[in-house]
Amino acid sequence: MYKQIILVRNDLKLGKGKIAAQASHASLESYLLTSRKTPSIAENWLSEGQKKVVLKVESREELLKVFQEVKSYFPAVIIKDAAHTQLKEPDFTCVGVGPIKEFEIDKFTKRYKLL
């Protein structure tokens, strides 16, 4: 089975709508990157129901750390909000990973809790 992971910064205290928008950006961008790099994985993920897991990290540093860890192994994107609504300055909000095989990504993300 394949899944996609979205990691969201919890320290920003974003509203529910903003979290949904940022997570959607991460999901779509990560899927598009995967479909360019490994189309067969993207197609399998689509046919399996597009499993997504949304996890939380507690700081900008933690988000950047996990992005650096996973991007060498898997298709991964980092999302930066433009600060037009809730944030005072542009900042990183989310990381999207995959879709990829579950057992491969779980090694990197099992320590994070659900959002």
PDB file of N, CA and C in Angstrom:
ATOM      1  N   MET A   1       0.840  -1.191   0.000  1.00  0.00           N
ATOM      2  CA  MET A   1       0.000   0.000   0.000  1.00  0.00           C
ATOM      3  C   MET A   1       0.880   1.248   0.000  1.00  0.00           C
ATOM      4  N   TYR A   2       0.322   2.276  -0.588  1.00  0.00           N
ATOM      5  CA  TYR A   2       1.009   3.560  -0.668  1.00  0.00           C
ATOM      6  C   TYR A   2       0.267   4.583   0.185  1.00  0.00           C
ATOM      7  N   LYS A   3       1.017   5.552   0.675  1.00  0.00           N
ATOM      8  CA  LYS A   3       0.381   6.652   1.392  1.00  0.00           C
ATOM      9  C   LYS A   3       1.195   7.919   1.225  1.00  0.00           C
ATOM     10  N   GLN A   4       0.536   8.997   1.525  1.00  0.00           N
ATOM     11  CA  GLN A   4       1.154  10.314   1.487  1.00  0.00           C
ATOM     12  C   GLN A   4       1.153  10.843   2.921  1.00  0.00           C
ATOM     13  N   ILE A   5       2.228  11.518   3.287  1.00  0.00           N
ATOM     14  CA  ILE A   5       2.346  12.107   4.615  1.00  0.00           C
ATOM     15  C   ILE A   5       2.354  13.627   4.477  1.00  0.00           C
ATOM     16  N   ILE A   6       1.575  14.287   5.310  1.00  0.00           N
ATOM     17  CA  ILE A   6       1.591  15.741   5.406  1.00  0.00           C
ATOM     18  C   ILE A   6       1.976  16.069   6.845  1.00  0.00           C
ATOM     19  N   LEU A   7       3.039  16.849   7.007  1.00  0.00           N
ATOM     20  CA  LEU A   7       3.457  17.307   8.333  1.00  0.00           C
ATOM     21  C   LEU A   7       3.130  18.784   8.449  1.00  0.00           C
ATOM     22  N   VAL A   8       2.444  19.155   9.514  1.00  0.00           N
ATOM     23  CA  VAL A   8       1.964  20.523   9.706  1.00  0.00           C
ATOM     24  C   VAL A   8       2.577  21.092  10.984  1.00  0.00           C
ATOM     25  N   ARG A   9       3.026  22.326  10.910  1.00  0.00           N
ATOM     26  CA  ARG A   9       3.546  22.995  12.108  1.00  0.00           C
ATOM     27  C   ARG A   9       2.418  23.327  13.075  1.00  0.00           C
ATOM     28  N   ASN A  10       2.547  22.829  14.288  1.00  0.00           N
ATOM     29  CA  ASN A  10       1.546  23.047  15.315  1.00  0.00           C
ATOM     30  C   ASN A  10       1.798  24.349  16.085  1.00  0.00           C
ATOM     31  N   ASP A  11       3.034  24.820  16.087  1.00  0.00           N
ATOM     32  CA  ASP A  11       3.392  26.010  16.864  1.00  0.00           C
ATOM     33  C   ASP A  11       2.835  27.299  16.282  1.00  0.00           C
ATOM     34  N   LEU A  12       2.432  27.294  15.026  1.00  0.00           N
ATOM     35  CA  LEU A  12       1.911  28.510  14.402  1.00  0.00           C
ATOM     36  C   LEU A  12       0.487  28.826  14.833  1.00  0.00           C
ATOM     37  N   LYS A  13      -0.201  27.842  15.388  1.00  0.00           N
ATOM     38  CA  LYS A  13      -1.590  28.017  15.846  1.00  0.00           C
ATOM     39  C   LYS A  13      -2.479  28.588  14.729  1.00  0.00           C
ATOM     40  N   LEU A  14      -2.360  27.987  13.551  1.00  0.00           N
ATOM     41  CA  LEU A  14      -3.163  28.404  12.403  1.00  0.00           C
ATOM     42  C   LEU A  14      -4.616  27.990  12.601  1.00  0.00           C
ATOM     43  N   GLY A  15      -5.530  28.734  11.994  1.00  0.00           N
ATOM     44  CA  GLY A  15      -6.935  28.371  12.014  1.00  0.00           C
ATOM     45  C   GLY A  15      -7.166  27.099  11.205  1.00  0.00           C
ATOM     46  N   LYS A  16      -8.294  26.468  11.429  1.00  0.00           N
ATOM     47  CA  LYS A  16      -8.612  25.204  10.746  1.00  0.00           C
ATOM     48  C   LYS A  16      -8.623  25.355   9.236  1.00  0.00           C
ATOM     49  N   GLY A  17      -9.192  26.445   8.749  1.00  0.00           N
ATOM     50  CA  GLY A  17      -9.237  26.667   7.306  1.00  0.00           C
ATOM     51  C   GLY A  17      -7.855  26.845   6.706  1.00  0.00           C
ATOM     52  N   LYS A  18      -6.996  27.569   7.418  1.00  0.00           N
ATOM     53  CA  LYS A  18      -5.627  27.799   6.945  1.00  0.00           C
ATOM     54  C   LYS A  18      -4.849  26.494   6.937  1.00  0.00           C
ATOM     55  N   ILE A  19      -5.036  25.676   7.980  1.00  0.00           N
ATOM     56  CA  ILE A  19      -4.367  24.372   8.009  1.00  0.00           C
ATOM     57  C   ILE A  19      -4.827  23.527   6.827  1.00  0.00           C
ATOM     58  N   ALA A  20      -6.132  23.521   6.573  1.00  0.00           N
ATOM     59  CA  ALA A  20      -6.664  22.745   5.449  1.00  0.00           C
ATOM     60  C   ALA A  20      -6.072  23.230   4.132  1.00  0.00           C
ATOM     61  N   ALA A  21      -5.973  24.535   3.958  1.00  0.00           N
ATOM     62  CA  ALA A  21      -5.419  25.090   2.715  1.00  0.00           C
ATOM     63  C   ALA A  21      -3.944  24.733   2.560  1.00  0.00           C
ATOM     64  N   GLN A  22      -3.168  24.901   3.629  1.00  0.00           N
ATOM     65  CA  GLN A  22      -1.736  24.606   3.562  1.00  0.00           C
ATOM     66  C   GLN A  22      -1.492  23.113   3.337  1.00  0.00           C
ATOM     67  N   ALA A  23      -2.255  22.263   4.028  1.00  0.00           N
ATOM     68  CA  ALA A  23      -2.122  20.819   3.840  1.00  0.00           C
ATOM     69  C   ALA A  23      -2.517  20.417   2.417  1.00  0.00           C
ATOM     70  N   SER A  24      -3.516  21.097   1.861  1.00  0.00           N
ATOM     71  CA  SER A  24      -3.924  20.824   0.476  1.00  0.00           C
ATOM     72  C   SER A  24      -2.813  21.187  -0.497  1.00  0.00           C
ATOM     73  N   HIS A  25      -2.162  22.320  -0.262  1.00  0.00           N
ATOM     74  CA  HIS A  25      -1.013  22.697  -1.106  1.00  0.00           C
ATOM     75  C   HIS A  25       0.066  21.610  -1.039  1.00  0.00           C
ATOM     76  N   ALA A  26       0.375  21.163   0.172  1.00  0.00           N
ATOM     77  CA  ALA A  26       1.410  20.144   0.347  1.00  0.00           C
ATOM     78  C   ALA A  26       1.027  18.839  -0.339  1.00  0.00           C
ATOM     79  N   SER A  27      -0.230  18.438  -0.207  1.00  0.00           N
ATOM     80  CA  SER A  27      -0.695  17.196  -0.819  1.00  0.00           C
ATOM     81  C   SER A  27      -0.587  17.256  -2.341  1.00  0.00           C
ATOM     82  N   LEU A  28      -1.106  18.318  -2.918  1.00  0.00           N
ATOM     83  CA  LEU A  28      -1.102  18.432  -4.376  1.00  0.00           C
ATOM     84  C   LEU A  28       0.317  18.544  -4.932  1.00  0.00           C
ATOM     85  N   GLU A  29       1.132  19.401  -4.335  1.00  0.00           N
ATOM     86  CA  GLU A  29       2.505  19.575  -4.834  1.00  0.00           C
ATOM     87  C   GLU A  29       3.320  18.296  -4.714  1.00  0.00           C
ATOM     88  N   SER A  30       3.145  17.589  -3.611  1.00  0.00           N
ATOM     89  CA  SER A  30       3.860  16.337  -3.410  1.00  0.00           C
ATOM     90  C   SER A  30       3.396  15.274  -4.405  1.00  0.00           C
ATOM     91  N   TYR A  31       2.093  15.204  -4.638  1.00  0.00           N
ATOM     92  CA  TYR A  31       1.568  14.268  -5.639  1.00  0.00           C
ATOM     93  C   TYR A  31       2.121  14.587  -7.028  1.00  0.00           C
ATOM     94  N   LEU A  32       2.114  15.862  -7.401  1.00  0.00           N
ATOM     95  CA  LEU A  32       2.609  16.241  -8.726  1.00  0.00           C
ATOM     96  C   LEU A  32       4.086  15.888  -8.892  1.00  0.00           C
ATOM     97  N   LEU A  33       4.876  16.114  -7.852  1.00  0.00           N
ATOM     98  CA  LEU A  33       6.293  15.753  -7.901  1.00  0.00           C
ATOM     99  C   LEU A  33       6.452  14.244  -8.048  1.00  0.00           C
ATOM    100  N   THR A  34       5.691  13.484  -7.287  1.00  0.00           N
ATOM    101  CA  THR A  34       5.752  12.024  -7.383  1.00  0.00           C
ATOM    102  C   THR A  34       5.326  11.552  -8.769  1.00  0.00           C
ATOM    103  N   SER A  35       4.288  12.153  -9.318  1.00  0.00           N
ATOM    104  CA  SER A  35       3.809  11.715 -10.640  1.00  0.00           C
ATOM    105  C   SER A  35       4.835  12.000 -11.738  1.00  0.00           C
ATOM    106  N   ARG A  36       5.657  13.020 -11.550  1.00  0.00           N
ATOM    107  CA  ARG A  36       6.733  13.296 -12.522  1.00  0.00           C
ATOM    108  C   ARG A  36       7.908  12.335 -12.345  1.00  0.00           C
ATOM    109  N   LYS A  37       8.253  12.036 -11.087  1.00  0.00           N
ATOM    110  CA  LYS A  37       9.419  11.197 -10.808  1.00  0.00           C
ATOM    111  C   LYS A  37       9.122   9.706 -10.966  1.00  0.00           C
ATOM    112  N   THR A  38       7.980   9.272 -10.450  1.00  0.00           N
ATOM    113  CA  THR A  38       7.612   7.850 -10.485  1.00  0.00           C
ATOM    114  C   THR A  38       6.120   7.719 -10.774  1.00  0.00           C
ATOM    115  N   PRO A  39       5.745   7.855 -12.040  1.00  0.00           N
ATOM    116  CA  PRO A  39       4.326   7.823 -12.393  1.00  0.00           C
ATOM    117  C   PRO A  39       3.594   6.565 -11.931  1.00  0.00           C
ATOM    118  N   SER A  40       4.261   5.430 -11.917  1.00  0.00           N
ATOM    119  CA  SER A  40       3.579   4.188 -11.525  1.00  0.00           C
ATOM    120  C   SER A  40       3.161   4.236 -10.056  1.00  0.00           C
ATOM    121  N   ILE A  41       3.969   4.822  -9.203  1.00  0.00           N
ATOM    122  CA  ILE A  41       3.614   4.949  -7.789  1.00  0.00           C
ATOM    123  C   ILE A  41       2.411   5.870  -7.636  1.00  0.00           C
ATOM    124  N   ALA A  42       2.433   6.988  -8.332  1.00  0.00           N
ATOM    125  CA  ALA A  42       1.306   7.927  -8.267  1.00  0.00           C
ATOM    126  C   ALA A  42       0.014   7.261  -8.735  1.00  0.00           C
ATOM    127  N   GLU A  43       0.095   6.487  -9.822  1.00  0.00           N
ATOM    128  CA  GLU A  43      -1.092   5.798 -10.338  1.00  0.00           C
ATOM    129  C   GLU A  43      -1.604   4.755  -9.347  1.00  0.00           C
ATOM    130  N   ASN A  44      -0.687   3.992  -8.741  1.00  0.00           N
ATOM    131  CA  ASN A  44      -1.092   2.982  -7.747  1.00  0.00           C
ATOM    132  C   ASN A  44      -1.767   3.633  -6.554  1.00  0.00           C
ATOM    133  N   TRP A  45      -1.210   4.746  -6.087  1.00  0.00           N
ATOM    134  CA  TRP A  45      -1.784   5.466  -4.952  1.00  0.00           C
ATOM    135  C   TRP A  45      -3.195   5.938  -5.277  1.00  0.00           C
ATOM    136  N   LEU A  46      -3.379   6.470  -6.467  1.00  0.00           N
ATOM    137  CA  LEU A  46      -4.715   6.913  -6.884  1.00  0.00           C
ATOM    138  C   LEU A  46      -5.698   5.750  -6.892  1.00  0.00           C
ATOM    139  N   SER A  47      -5.274   4.616  -7.418  1.00  0.00           N
ATOM    140  CA  SER A  47      -6.184   3.473  -7.522  1.00  0.00           C
ATOM    141  C   SER A  47      -6.476   2.832  -6.168  1.00  0.00           C
ATOM    142  N   GLU A  48      -5.603   3.045  -5.186  1.00  0.00           N
ATOM    143  CA  GLU A  48      -5.797   2.478  -3.848  1.00  0.00           C
ATOM    144  C   GLU A  48      -6.643   3.361  -2.934  1.00  0.00           C
ATOM    145  N   GLY A  49      -7.012   4.550  -3.381  1.00  0.00           N
ATOM    146  CA  GLY A  49      -7.864   5.406  -2.560  1.00  0.00           C
ATOM    147  C   GLY A  49      -7.190   6.641  -1.996  1.00  0.00           C
ATOM    148  N   GLN A  50      -5.936   6.898  -2.374  1.00  0.00           N
ATOM    149  CA  GLN A  50      -5.233   8.132  -2.007  1.00  0.00           C
ATOM    150  C   GLN A  50      -5.065   8.310  -0.502  1.00  0.00           C
ATOM    151  N   LYS A  51      -4.565   7.309   0.180  1.00  0.00           N
ATOM    152  CA  LYS A  51      -4.371   7.379   1.629  1.00  0.00           C
ATOM    153  C   LYS A  51      -3.429   8.521   1.987  1.00  0.00           C
ATOM    154  N   LYS A  52      -3.873   9.326   2.963  1.00  0.00           N
ATOM    155  CA  LYS A  52      -3.085  10.450   3.480  1.00  0.00           C
ATOM    156  C   LYS A  52      -3.093  10.386   4.996  1.00  0.00           C
ATOM    157  N   VAL A  53      -1.963  10.749   5.594  1.00  0.00           N
ATOM    158  CA  VAL A  53      -1.870  10.851   7.041  1.00  0.00           C
ATOM    159  C   VAL A  53      -1.307  12.230   7.353  1.00  0.00           C
ATOM    160  N   VAL A  54      -1.999  12.963   8.224  1.00  0.00           N
ATOM    161  CA  VAL A  54      -1.569  14.316   8.583  1.00  0.00           C
ATOM    162  C   VAL A  54      -1.029  14.283  10.007  1.00  0.00           C
ATOM    163  N   LEU A  55       0.231  14.674  10.121  1.00  0.00           N
ATOM    164  CA  LEU A  55       0.942  14.641  11.396  1.00  0.00           C
ATOM    165  C   LEU A  55       1.347  16.053  11.797  1.00  0.00           C
ATOM    166  N   LYS A  56       1.726  16.216  13.068  1.00  0.00           N
ATOM    167  CA  LYS A  56       2.135  17.543  13.528  1.00  0.00           C
ATOM    168  C   LYS A  56       3.593  17.536  13.982  1.00  0.00           C
ATOM    169  N   VAL A  57       4.225  18.667  13.752  1.00  0.00           N
ATOM    170  CA  VAL A  57       5.548  18.945  14.304  1.00  0.00           C
ATOM    171  C   VAL A  57       5.409  20.200  15.149  1.00  0.00           C
ATOM    172  N   GLU A  58       6.312  20.393  16.078  1.00  0.00           N
ATOM    173  CA  GLU A  58       6.136  21.467  17.056  1.00  0.00           C
ATOM    174  C   GLU A  58       6.957  22.727  16.789  1.00  0.00           C
ATOM    175  N   SER A  59       7.741  22.745  15.700  1.00  0.00           N
ATOM    176  CA  SER A  59       8.549  23.941  15.449  1.00  0.00           C
ATOM    177  C   SER A  59       8.984  24.006  13.997  1.00  0.00           C
ATOM    178  N   ARG A  60       9.423  25.190  13.610  1.00  0.00           N
ATOM    179  CA  ARG A  60       9.985  25.405  12.271  1.00  0.00           C
ATOM    180  C   ARG A  60      11.214  24.517  12.079  1.00  0.00           C
ATOM    181  N   GLU A  61      12.053  24.467  13.100  1.00  0.00           N
ATOM    182  CA  GLU A  61      13.283  23.673  13.037  1.00  0.00           C
ATOM    183  C   GLU A  61      12.978  22.198  12.821  1.00  0.00           C
ATOM    184  N   GLU A  62      11.965  21.701  13.519  1.00  0.00           N
ATOM    185  CA  GLU A  62      11.580  20.297  13.376  1.00  0.00           C
ATOM    186  C   GLU A  62      11.052  20.023  11.962  1.00  0.00           C
ATOM    187  N   LEU A  63      10.271  20.951  11.416  1.00  0.00           N
ATOM    188  CA  LEU A  63       9.749  20.802  10.051  1.00  0.00           C
ATOM    189  C   LEU A  63      10.899  20.763   9.049  1.00  0.00           C
ATOM    190  N   LEU A  64      11.840  21.687   9.189  1.00  0.00           N
ATOM    191  CA  LEU A  64      12.986  21.730   8.281  1.00  0.00           C
ATOM    192  C   LEU A  64      13.850  20.481   8.407  1.00  0.00           C
ATOM    193  N   LYS A  65      14.006  19.995   9.628  1.00  0.00           N
ATOM    194  CA  LYS A  65      14.809  18.789   9.856  1.00  0.00           C
ATOM    195  C   LYS A  65      14.210  17.581   9.149  1.00  0.00           C
ATOM    196  N   VAL A  66      12.917  17.365   9.330  1.00  0.00           N
ATOM    197  CA  VAL A  66      12.292  16.202   8.700  1.00  0.00           C
ATOM    198  C   VAL A  66      12.297  16.355   7.178  1.00  0.00           C
ATOM    199  N   PHE A  67      12.120  17.569   6.669  1.00  0.00           N
ATOM    200  CA  PHE A  67      12.182  17.786   5.226  1.00  0.00           C
ATOM    201  C   PHE A  67      13.570  17.414   4.694  1.00  0.00           C
ATOM    202  N   GLN A  68      14.612  17.850   5.374  1.00  0.00           N
ATOM    203  CA  GLN A  68      15.979  17.515   4.952  1.00  0.00           C
ATOM    204  C   GLN A  68      16.219  16.007   4.983  1.00  0.00           C
ATOM    205  N   GLU A  69      15.678  15.336   5.998  1.00  0.00           N
ATOM    206  CA  GLU A  69      15.837  13.883   6.112  1.00  0.00           C
ATOM    207  C   GLU A  69      15.174  13.146   4.954  1.00  0.00           C
ATOM    208  N   VAL A  70      13.917  13.490   4.664  1.00  0.00           N
ATOM    209  CA  VAL A  70      13.153  12.682   3.713  1.00  0.00           C
ATOM    210  C   VAL A  70      13.407  13.035   2.255  1.00  0.00           C
ATOM    211  N   LYS A  71      13.780  14.267   1.965  1.00  0.00           N
ATOM    212  CA  LYS A  71      13.889  14.666   0.556  1.00  0.00           C
ATOM    213  C   LYS A  71      14.995  13.932  -0.193  1.00  0.00           C
ATOM    214  N   SER A  72      15.969  13.358   0.518  1.00  0.00           N
ATOM    215  CA  SER A  72      17.005  12.583  -0.155  1.00  0.00           C
ATOM    216  C   SER A  72      16.512  11.215  -0.604  1.00  0.00           C
ATOM    217  N   TYR A  73      15.423  10.756   0.025  1.00  0.00           N
ATOM    218  CA  TYR A  73      14.914   9.417  -0.257  1.00  0.00           C
ATOM    219  C   TYR A  73      13.614   9.406  -1.057  1.00  0.00           C
ATOM    220  N   PHE A  74      12.769  10.408  -0.828  1.00  0.00           N
ATOM    221  CA  PHE A  74      11.421  10.392  -1.381  1.00  0.00           C
ATOM    222  C   PHE A  74      11.072  11.740  -2.005  1.00  0.00           C
ATOM    223  N   PRO A  75      10.075  11.738  -2.885  1.00  0.00           N
ATOM    224  CA  PRO A  75       9.563  13.029  -3.373  1.00  0.00           C
ATOM    225  C   PRO A  75       8.965  13.793  -2.187  1.00  0.00           C
ATOM    226  N   ALA A  76       9.464  14.991  -1.941  1.00  0.00           N
ATOM    227  CA  ALA A  76       8.999  15.789  -0.804  1.00  0.00           C
ATOM    228  C   ALA A  76       9.020  17.268  -1.171  1.00  0.00           C
ATOM    229  N   VAL A  77       8.049  17.986  -0.637  1.00  0.00           N
ATOM    230  CA  VAL A  77       7.946  19.426  -0.889  1.00  0.00           C
ATOM    231  C   VAL A  77       7.752  20.141   0.444  1.00  0.00           C
ATOM    232  N   ILE A  78       8.182  21.387   0.480  1.00  0.00           N
ATOM    233  CA  ILE A  78       7.936  22.218   1.654  1.00  0.00           C
ATOM    234  C   ILE A  78       7.104  23.404   1.198  1.00  0.00           C
ATOM    235  N   ILE A  79       6.114  23.741   1.987  1.00  0.00           N
ATOM    236  CA  ILE A  79       5.171  24.806   1.633  1.00  0.00           C
ATOM    237  C   ILE A  79       5.457  26.040   2.479  1.00  0.00           C
ATOM    238  N   LYS A  80       5.519  27.183   1.813  1.00  0.00           N
ATOM    239  CA  LYS A  80       5.754  28.455   2.491  1.00  0.00           C
ATOM    240  C   LYS A  80       4.543  29.353   2.282  1.00  0.00           C
ATOM    241  N   ASP A  81       3.931  29.765   3.374  1.00  0.00           N
ATOM    242  CA  ASP A  81       2.780  30.656   3.303  1.00  0.00           C
ATOM    243  C   ASP A  81       3.243  32.068   2.985  1.00  0.00           C
ATOM    244  N   ALA A  82       2.461  32.776   2.197  1.00  0.00           N
ATOM    245  CA  ALA A  82       2.821  34.125   1.750  1.00  0.00           C
ATOM    246  C   ALA A  82       2.504  35.213   2.771  1.00  0.00           C
ATOM    247  N   ALA A  83       1.842  34.875   3.850  1.00  0.00           N
ATOM    248  CA  ALA A  83       1.521  35.811   4.934  1.00  0.00           C
ATOM    249  C   ALA A  83       0.527  36.892   4.512  1.00  0.00           C
ATOM    250  N   HIS A  84      -0.469  36.518   3.723  1.00  0.00           N
ATOM    251  CA  HIS A  84      -1.511  37.474   3.338  1.00  0.00           C
ATOM    252  C   HIS A  84      -2.663  37.506   4.334  1.00  0.00           C
ATOM    253  N   THR A  85      -2.770  36.475   5.182  1.00  0.00           N
ATOM    254  CA  THR A  85      -3.926  36.421   6.075  1.00  0.00           C
ATOM    255  C   THR A  85      -3.526  36.279   7.546  1.00  0.00           C
ATOM    256  N   GLN A  86      -3.054  35.119   7.968  1.00  0.00           N
ATOM    257  CA  GLN A  86      -2.858  34.865   9.394  1.00  0.00           C
ATOM    258  C   GLN A  86      -1.436  35.082   9.904  1.00  0.00           C
ATOM    259  N   LEU A  87      -0.453  34.868   9.073  1.00  0.00           N
ATOM    260  CA  LEU A  87       0.929  35.039   9.506  1.00  0.00           C
ATOM    261  C   LEU A  87       1.399  36.464   9.231  1.00  0.00           C
ATOM    262  N   LYS A  88       2.278  36.959  10.082  1.00  0.00           N
ATOM    263  CA  LYS A  88       2.811  38.317   9.905  1.00  0.00           C
ATOM    264  C   LYS A  88       3.922  38.359   8.865  1.00  0.00           C
ATOM    265  N   GLU A  89       4.650  37.254   8.736  1.00  0.00           N
ATOM    266  CA  GLU A  89       5.743  37.139   7.771  1.00  0.00           C
ATOM    267  C   GLU A  89       5.618  35.803   7.041  1.00  0.00           C
ATOM    268  N   PRO A  90       6.091  35.723   5.804  1.00  0.00           N
ATOM    269  CA  PRO A  90       6.102  34.424   5.126  1.00  0.00           C
ATOM    270  C   PRO A  90       6.887  33.401   5.948  1.00  0.00           C
ATOM    271  N   ASP A  91       6.377  32.195   5.999  1.00  0.00           N
ATOM    272  CA  ASP A  91       7.042  31.153   6.780  1.00  0.00           C
ATOM    273  C   ASP A  91       6.625  29.778   6.272  1.00  0.00           C
ATOM    274  N   PHE A  92       7.457  28.785   6.562  1.00  0.00           N
ATOM    275  CA  PHE A  92       7.158  27.409   6.206  1.00  0.00           C
ATOM    276  C   PHE A  92       6.069  26.865   7.110  1.00  0.00           C
ATOM    277  N   THR A  93       5.095  26.195   6.511  1.00  0.00           N
ATOM    278  CA  THR A  93       3.951  25.680   7.269  1.00  0.00           C
ATOM    279  C   THR A  93       3.820  24.169   7.232  1.00  0.00           C
ATOM    280  N   CYS A  94       4.143  23.553   6.101  1.00  0.00           N
ATOM    281  CA  CYS A  94       3.884  22.119   5.903  1.00  0.00           C
ATOM    282  C   CYS A  94       4.967  21.482   5.058  1.00  0.00           C
ATOM    283  N   VAL A  95       5.046  20.170   5.189  1.00  0.00           N
ATOM    284  CA  VAL A  95       5.851  19.335   4.293  1.00  0.00           C
ATOM    285  C   VAL A  95       4.928  18.243   3.775  1.00  0.00           C
ATOM    286  N   GLY A  96       5.008  17.978   2.489  1.00  0.00           N
ATOM    287  CA  GLY A  96       4.296  16.866   1.877  1.00  0.00           C
ATOM    288  C   GLY A  96       5.300  15.831   1.403  1.00  0.00           C
ATOM    289  N   VAL A  97       5.024  14.562   1.668  1.00  0.00           N
ATOM    290  CA  VAL A  97       5.928  13.477   1.274  1.00  0.00           C
ATOM    291  C   VAL A  97       5.130  12.420   0.531  1.00  0.00           C
ATOM    292  N   GLY A  98       5.631  12.068  -0.644  1.00  0.00           N
ATOM    293  CA  GLY A  98       5.033  10.972  -1.392  1.00  0.00           C
ATOM    294  C   GLY A  98       3.806  11.363  -2.184  1.00  0.00           C
ATOM    295  N   PRO A  99       3.078  10.367  -2.583  1.00  0.00           N
ATOM    296  CA  PRO A  99       2.892   9.043  -2.021  1.00  0.00           C
ATOM    297  C   PRO A  99       4.092   8.120  -2.269  1.00  0.00           C
ATOM    298  N   ILE A 100       4.278   7.230  -1.291  1.00  0.00           N
ATOM    299  CA  ILE A 100       5.302   6.198  -1.364  1.00  0.00           C
ATOM    300  C   ILE A 100       4.799   4.988  -0.572  1.00  0.00           C
ATOM    301  N   LYS A 101       5.588   3.916  -0.619  1.00  0.00           N
ATOM    302  CA  LYS A 101       5.194   2.715   0.130  1.00  0.00           C
ATOM    303  C   LYS A 101       5.184   3.023   1.622  1.00  0.00           C
ATOM    304  N   GLU A 102       4.140   2.555   2.283  1.00  0.00           N
ATOM    305  CA  GLU A 102       3.949   2.847   3.705  1.00  0.00           C
ATOM    306  C   GLU A 102       5.145   2.473   4.553  1.00  0.00           C
ATOM    307  N   PHE A 103       5.659   1.268   4.383  1.00  0.00           N
ATOM    308  CA  PHE A 103       6.731   0.801   5.253  1.00  0.00           C
ATOM    309  C   PHE A 103       8.000   1.623   5.088  1.00  0.00           C
ATOM    310  N   GLU A 104       8.170   2.258   3.931  1.00  0.00           N
ATOM    311  CA  GLU A 104       9.363   3.071   3.714  1.00  0.00           C
ATOM    312  C   GLU A 104       9.287   4.402   4.457  1.00  0.00           C
ATOM    313  N   ILE A 105       8.163   5.065   4.416  1.00  0.00           N
ATOM    314  CA  ILE A 105       8.039   6.370   5.067  1.00  0.00           C
ATOM    315  C   ILE A 105       7.849   6.235   6.572  1.00  0.00           C
ATOM    316  N   ASP A 106       7.251   5.147   7.025  1.00  0.00           N
ATOM    317  CA  ASP A 106       6.998   4.973   8.453  1.00  0.00           C
ATOM    318  C   ASP A 106       8.280   5.031   9.280  1.00  0.00           C
ATOM    319  N   LYS A 107       9.402   4.625   8.708  1.00  0.00           N
ATOM    320  CA  LYS A 107      10.682   4.685   9.416  1.00  0.00           C
ATOM    321  C   LYS A 107      11.032   6.127   9.810  1.00  0.00           C
ATOM    322  N   PHE A 108      10.602   7.085   8.996  1.00  0.00           N
ATOM    323  CA  PHE A 108      10.935   8.482   9.231  1.00  0.00           C
ATOM    324  C   PHE A 108       9.874   9.226  10.037  1.00  0.00           C
ATOM    325  N   THR A 109       8.640   8.764   9.978  1.00  0.00           N
ATOM    326  CA  THR A 109       7.550   9.565  10.539  1.00  0.00           C
ATOM    327  C   THR A 109       6.832   8.930  11.732  1.00  0.00           C
ATOM    328  N   LYS A 110       7.229   7.746  12.140  1.00  0.00           N
ATOM    329  CA  LYS A 110       6.510   7.066  13.227  1.00  0.00           C
ATOM    330  C   LYS A 110       6.575   7.813  14.554  1.00  0.00           C
ATOM    331  N   ARG A 111       7.531   8.684  14.721  1.00  0.00           N
ATOM    332  CA  ARG A 111       7.674   9.418  15.995  1.00  0.00           C
ATOM    333  C   ARG A 111       6.716  10.608  16.120  1.00  0.00           C
ATOM    334  N   TYR A 112       6.052  10.968  15.026  1.00  0.00           N
ATOM    335  CA  TYR A 112       5.146  12.132  15.037  1.00  0.00           C
ATOM    336  C   TYR A 112       3.728  11.707  15.328  1.00  0.00           C
ATOM    337  N   LYS A 113       2.971  12.590  15.993  1.00  0.00           N
ATOM    338  CA  LYS A 113       1.583  12.313  16.346  1.00  0.00           C
ATOM    339  C   LYS A 113       0.640  12.895  15.310  1.00  0.00           C
ATOM    340  N   LEU A 114      -0.558  12.328  15.264  1.00  0.00           N
ATOM    341  CA  LEU A 114      -1.585  12.833  14.369  1.00  0.00           C
ATOM    342  C   LEU A 114      -1.951  14.271  14.746  1.00  0.00           C
ATOM    343  N   LEU A 115      -2.252  15.067  13.735  1.00  0.00           N
ATOM    344  CA  LEU A 115      -2.661  16.457  13.982  1.00  0.00           C
ATOM    345  C   LEU A 115      -4.012  16.481  14.669  1.00  0.00           C
TER     346      LEU A 115
END
